[in-house]
Amino acid sequence: MFTKLHSTTRSTLDKAIVVSIAAMLAMNAFVLAQQQQAPTVVAASVATATVKA
């Protein structure tokens, strides 16, 4: 697999590995984006609760 990266004949296993890695990277990006947005949401709810108090 690694010796012939530009081979035109890739096995089903090679394709499955590529799809799996792409899915893992997409999920990591999604989780990181959610973690970046979470503090903003928490801060807004705390600010709202502070104003009401």
PDB file of N, CA and C in Angstrom:
ATOM      1  N   MET A   1       0.825  -1.197   0.000  1.00  0.00           N
ATOM      2  CA  MET A   1       0.000   0.000   0.000  1.00  0.00           C
ATOM      3  C   MET A   1       0.861   1.249   0.000  1.00  0.00           C
ATOM      4  N   PHE A   2       1.883   1.306   0.871  1.00  0.00           N
ATOM      5  CA  PHE A   2       2.663   2.523   1.000  1.00  0.00           C
ATOM      6  C   PHE A   2       3.749   2.632  -0.065  1.00  0.00           C
ATOM      7  N   THR A   3       4.087   1.520  -0.694  1.00  0.00           N
ATOM      8  CA  THR A   3       5.124   1.586  -1.720  1.00  0.00           C
ATOM      9  C   THR A   3       4.561   2.077  -3.048  1.00  0.00           C
ATOM     10  N   LYS A   4       3.274   1.887  -3.277  1.00  0.00           N
ATOM     11  CA  LYS A   4       2.651   2.329  -4.529  1.00  0.00           C
ATOM     12  C   LYS A   4       1.490   3.264  -4.207  1.00  0.00           C
ATOM     13  N   LEU A   5       1.803   4.486  -3.844  1.00  0.00           N
ATOM     14  CA  LEU A   5       0.748   5.422  -3.462  1.00  0.00           C
ATOM     15  C   LEU A   5      -0.090   5.862  -4.658  1.00  0.00           C
ATOM     16  N   HIS A   6       0.514   5.912  -5.838  1.00  0.00           N
ATOM     17  CA  HIS A   6      -0.205   6.405  -7.008  1.00  0.00           C
ATOM     18  C   HIS A   6      -0.626   5.269  -7.936  1.00  0.00           C
ATOM     19  N   SER A   7      -0.771   4.108  -7.377  1.00  0.00           N
ATOM     20  CA  SER A   7      -1.180   2.968  -8.180  1.00  0.00           C
ATOM     21  C   SER A   7      -2.642   3.111  -8.580  1.00  0.00           C
ATOM     22  N   THR A   8      -2.957   2.675  -9.779  1.00  0.00           N
ATOM     23  CA  THR A   8      -4.341   2.778 -10.243  1.00  0.00           C
ATOM     24  C   THR A   8      -5.190   1.618  -9.724  1.00  0.00           C
ATOM     25  N   THR A   9      -4.556   0.561  -9.225  1.00  0.00           N
ATOM     26  CA  THR A   9      -5.312  -0.580  -8.717  1.00  0.00           C
ATOM     27  C   THR A   9      -5.193  -0.619  -7.203  1.00  0.00           C
ATOM     28  N   ARG A  10      -6.178  -0.060  -6.563  1.00  0.00           N
ATOM     29  CA  ARG A  10      -6.208  -0.075  -5.101  1.00  0.00           C
ATOM     30  C   ARG A  10      -7.216  -1.122  -4.656  1.00  0.00           C
ATOM     31  N   SER A  11      -6.857  -1.818  -3.597  1.00  0.00           N
ATOM     32  CA  SER A  11      -7.752  -2.859  -3.107  1.00  0.00           C
ATOM     33  C   SER A  11      -8.896  -2.236  -2.314  1.00  0.00           C
ATOM     34  N   THR A  12      -9.869  -3.053  -2.024  1.00  0.00           N
ATOM     35  CA  THR A  12     -11.010  -2.598  -1.225  1.00  0.00           C
ATOM     36  C   THR A  12     -10.556  -2.208   0.167  1.00  0.00           C
ATOM     37  N   LEU A  13      -9.582  -2.930   0.700  1.00  0.00           N
ATOM     38  CA  LEU A  13      -9.052  -2.603   2.022  1.00  0.00           C
ATOM     39  C   LEU A  13      -8.384  -1.231   2.019  1.00  0.00           C
ATOM     40  N   ASP A  14      -7.644  -0.920   0.978  1.00  0.00           N
ATOM     41  CA  ASP A  14      -7.009   0.394   0.880  1.00  0.00           C
ATOM     42  C   ASP A  14      -8.055   1.508   0.863  1.00  0.00           C
ATOM     43  N   LYS A  15      -9.103   1.300   0.105  1.00  0.00           N
ATOM     44  CA  LYS A  15     -10.178   2.305   0.039  1.00  0.00           C
ATOM     45  C   LYS A  15     -10.873   2.448   1.382  1.00  0.00           C
ATOM     46  N   ALA A  16     -11.078   1.335   2.085  1.00  0.00           N
ATOM     47  CA  ALA A  16     -11.723   1.381   3.397  1.00  0.00           C
ATOM     48  C   ALA A  16     -10.851   2.124   4.403  1.00  0.00           C
ATOM     49  N   ILE A  17      -9.542   1.945   4.314  1.00  0.00           N
ATOM     50  CA  ILE A  17      -8.630   2.646   5.210  1.00  0.00           C
ATOM     51  C   ILE A  17      -8.691   4.144   4.964  1.00  0.00           C
ATOM     52  N   VAL A  18      -8.705   4.546   3.714  1.00  0.00           N
ATOM     53  CA  VAL A  18      -8.770   5.968   3.371  1.00  0.00           C
ATOM     54  C   VAL A  18     -10.078   6.574   3.861  1.00  0.00           C
ATOM     55  N   VAL A  19     -11.174   5.875   3.662  1.00  0.00           N
ATOM     56  CA  VAL A  19     -12.478   6.374   4.119  1.00  0.00           C
ATOM     57  C   VAL A  19     -12.511   6.465   5.640  1.00  0.00           C
ATOM     58  N   SER A  20     -11.935   5.483   6.315  1.00  0.00           N
ATOM     59  CA  SER A  20     -11.906   5.478   7.773  1.00  0.00           C
ATOM     60  C   SER A  20     -11.096   6.652   8.313  1.00  0.00           C
ATOM     61  N   ILE A  21      -9.955   6.914   7.716  1.00  0.00           N
ATOM     62  CA  ILE A  21      -9.121   8.032   8.167  1.00  0.00           C
ATOM     63  C   ILE A  21      -9.824   9.357   7.907  1.00  0.00           C
ATOM     64  N   ALA A  22     -10.469   9.483   6.758  1.00  0.00           N
ATOM     65  CA  ALA A  22     -11.198  10.717   6.446  1.00  0.00           C
ATOM     66  C   ALA A  22     -12.346  10.937   7.435  1.00  0.00           C
ATOM     67  N   ALA A  23     -13.050   9.880   7.785  1.00  0.00           N
ATOM     68  CA  ALA A  23     -14.146   9.997   8.748  1.00  0.00           C
ATOM     69  C   ALA A  23     -13.614  10.379  10.128  1.00  0.00           C
ATOM     70  N   MET A  24     -12.476   9.814  10.512  1.00  0.00           N
ATOM     71  CA  MET A  24     -11.888  10.136  11.808  1.00  0.00           C
ATOM     72  C   MET A  24     -11.471  11.606  11.861  1.00  0.00           C
ATOM     73  N   LEU A  25     -10.865  12.100  10.792  1.00  0.00           N
ATOM     74  CA  LEU A  25     -10.456  13.498  10.757  1.00  0.00           C
ATOM     75  C   LEU A  25     -11.656  14.437  10.778  1.00  0.00           C
ATOM     76  N   ALA A  26     -12.711  14.066  10.071  1.00  0.00           N
ATOM     77  CA  ALA A  26     -13.923  14.891  10.061  1.00  0.00           C
ATOM     78  C   ALA A  26     -14.549  14.937  11.454  1.00  0.00           C
ATOM     79  N   MET A  27     -14.573  13.807  12.133  1.00  0.00           N
ATOM     80  CA  MET A  27     -15.143  13.768  13.482  1.00  0.00           C
ATOM     81  C   MET A  27     -14.303  14.590  14.452  1.00  0.00           C
ATOM     82  N   ASN A  28     -12.985  14.515  14.317  1.00  0.00           N
ATOM     83  CA  ASN A  28     -12.116  15.322  15.174  1.00  0.00           C
ATOM     84  C   ASN A  28     -12.350  16.806  14.943  1.00  0.00           C
ATOM     85  N   ALA A  29     -12.494  17.210  13.705  1.00  0.00           N
ATOM     86  CA  ALA A  29     -12.753  18.618  13.397  1.00  0.00           C
ATOM     87  C   ALA A  29     -14.098  19.056  13.974  1.00  0.00           C
ATOM     88  N   PHE A  30     -15.104  18.192  13.880  1.00  0.00           N
ATOM     89  CA  PHE A  30     -16.421  18.508  14.422  1.00  0.00           C
ATOM     90  C   PHE A  30     -16.363  18.685  15.938  1.00  0.00           C
ATOM     91  N   VAL A  31     -15.677  17.769  16.616  1.00  0.00           N
ATOM     92  CA  VAL A  31     -15.583  17.841  18.080  1.00  0.00           C
ATOM     93  C   VAL A  31     -14.803  19.080  18.502  1.00  0.00           C
ATOM     94  N   LEU A  32     -13.720  19.388  17.810  1.00  0.00           N
ATOM     95  CA  LEU A  32     -12.959  20.587  18.150  1.00  0.00           C
ATOM     96  C   LEU A  32     -13.782  21.853  17.941  1.00  0.00           C
ATOM     97  N   ALA A  33     -14.584  21.882  16.898  1.00  0.00           N
ATOM     98  CA  ALA A  33     -15.445  23.042  16.663  1.00  0.00           C
ATOM     99  C   ALA A  33     -16.481  23.181  17.772  1.00  0.00           C
ATOM    100  N   GLN A  34     -17.013  22.068  18.233  1.00  0.00           N
ATOM    101  CA  GLN A  34     -17.986  22.114  19.324  1.00  0.00           C
ATOM    102  C   GLN A  34     -17.341  22.608  20.610  1.00  0.00           C
ATOM    103  N   GLN A  35     -16.102  22.197  20.865  1.00  0.00           N
ATOM    104  CA  GLN A  35     -15.409  22.627  22.072  1.00  0.00           C
ATOM    105  C   GLN A  35     -15.093  24.113  22.023  1.00  0.00           C
ATOM    106  N   GLN A  36     -14.867  24.647  20.849  1.00  0.00           N
ATOM    107  CA  GLN A  36     -14.584  26.073  20.722  1.00  0.00           C
ATOM    108  C   GLN A  36     -15.845  26.902  20.961  1.00  0.00           C
ATOM    109  N   GLN A  37     -17.011  26.364  20.615  1.00  0.00           N
ATOM    110  CA  GLN A  37     -18.258  27.095  20.785  1.00  0.00           C
ATOM    111  C   GLN A  37     -18.817  26.954  22.194  1.00  0.00           C
ATOM    112  N   ALA A  38     -18.476  25.907  22.909  1.00  0.00           N
ATOM    113  CA  ALA A  38     -19.049  25.645  24.233  1.00  0.00           C
ATOM    114  C   ALA A  38     -18.776  26.762  25.232  1.00  0.00           C
ATOM    115  N   PRO A  39     -17.566  27.291  25.375  1.00  0.00           N
ATOM    116  CA  PRO A  39     -17.347  28.359  26.365  1.00  0.00           C
ATOM    117  C   PRO A  39     -18.203  29.592  26.103  1.00  0.00           C
ATOM    118  N   THR A  40     -18.458  29.913  24.843  1.00  0.00           N
ATOM    119  CA  THR A  40     -19.285  31.067  24.506  1.00  0.00           C
ATOM    120  C   THR A  40     -20.710  30.854  24.993  1.00  0.00           C
ATOM    121  N   VAL A  41     -21.245  29.666  24.793  1.00  0.00           N
ATOM    122  CA  VAL A  41     -22.613  29.365  25.216  1.00  0.00           C
ATOM    123  C   VAL A  41     -22.711  29.384  26.740  1.00  0.00           C
ATOM    124  N   VAL A  42     -21.730  28.801  27.416  1.00  0.00           N
ATOM    125  CA  VAL A  42     -21.729  28.776  28.881  1.00  0.00           C
ATOM    126  C   VAL A  42     -21.605  30.188  29.426  1.00  0.00           C
ATOM    127  N   ALA A  43     -20.721  30.987  28.840  1.00  0.00           N
ATOM    128  CA  ALA A  43     -20.540  32.363  29.312  1.00  0.00           C
ATOM    129  C   ALA A  43     -21.813  33.176  29.128  1.00  0.00           C
ATOM    130  N   ALA A  44     -22.516  32.975  28.028  1.00  0.00           N
ATOM    131  CA  ALA A  44     -23.757  33.712  27.784  1.00  0.00           C
ATOM    132  C   ALA A  44     -24.830  33.327  28.803  1.00  0.00           C
ATOM    133  N   SER A  45     -24.929  32.020  29.133  1.00  0.00           N
ATOM    134  CA  SER A  45     -25.943  31.616  30.108  1.00  0.00           C
ATOM    135  C   SER A  45     -25.596  32.115  31.504  1.00  0.00           C
ATOM    136  N   VAL A  46     -24.326  32.149  31.853  1.00  0.00           N
ATOM    137  CA  VAL A  46     -23.916  32.667  33.164  1.00  0.00           C
ATOM    138  C   VAL A  46     -24.167  34.150  33.239  1.00  0.00           C
ATOM    139  N   ALA A  47     -23.902  34.883  32.161  1.00  0.00           N
ATOM    140  CA  ALA A  47     -24.145  36.310  32.134  1.00  0.00           C
ATOM    141  C   ALA A  47     -25.631  36.619  32.281  1.00  0.00           C
ATOM    142  N   THR A  48     -26.461  35.826  31.618  1.00  0.00           N
ATOM    143  CA  THR A  48     -27.911  36.010  31.712  1.00  0.00           C
ATOM    144  C   THR A  48     -28.394  35.767  33.140  1.00  0.00           C
ATOM    145  N   ALA A  49     -27.870  34.721  33.770  1.00  0.00           N
ATOM    146  CA  ALA A  49     -28.261  34.401  35.145  1.00  0.00           C
ATOM    147  C   ALA A  49     -27.781  35.495  36.095  1.00  0.00           C
ATOM    148  N   THR A  50     -26.622  36.064  35.832  1.00  0.00           N
ATOM    149  CA  THR A  50     -26.082  37.128  36.683  1.00  0.00           C
ATOM    150  C   THR A  50     -26.923  38.390  36.551  1.00  0.00           C
ATOM    151  N   VAL A  51     -27.351  38.715  35.355  1.00  0.00           N
ATOM    152  CA  VAL A  51     -28.168  39.908  35.145  1.00  0.00           C
ATOM    153  C   VAL A  51     -29.519  39.760  35.829  1.00  0.00           C
ATOM    154  N   LYS A  52     -30.098  38.573  35.804  1.00  0.00           N
ATOM    155  CA  LYS A  52     -31.411  38.347  36.423  1.00  0.00           C
ATOM    156  C   LYS A  52     -31.318  38.387  37.951  1.00  0.00           C
ATOM    157  N   ALA A  53     -30.149  38.083  38.507  1.00  0.00           N
ATOM    158  CA  ALA A  53     -30.014  37.999  39.961  1.00  0.00           C
ATOM    159  C   ALA A  53     -29.899  39.341  40.629  1.00  0.00           C
TER     160      ALA A  53
END
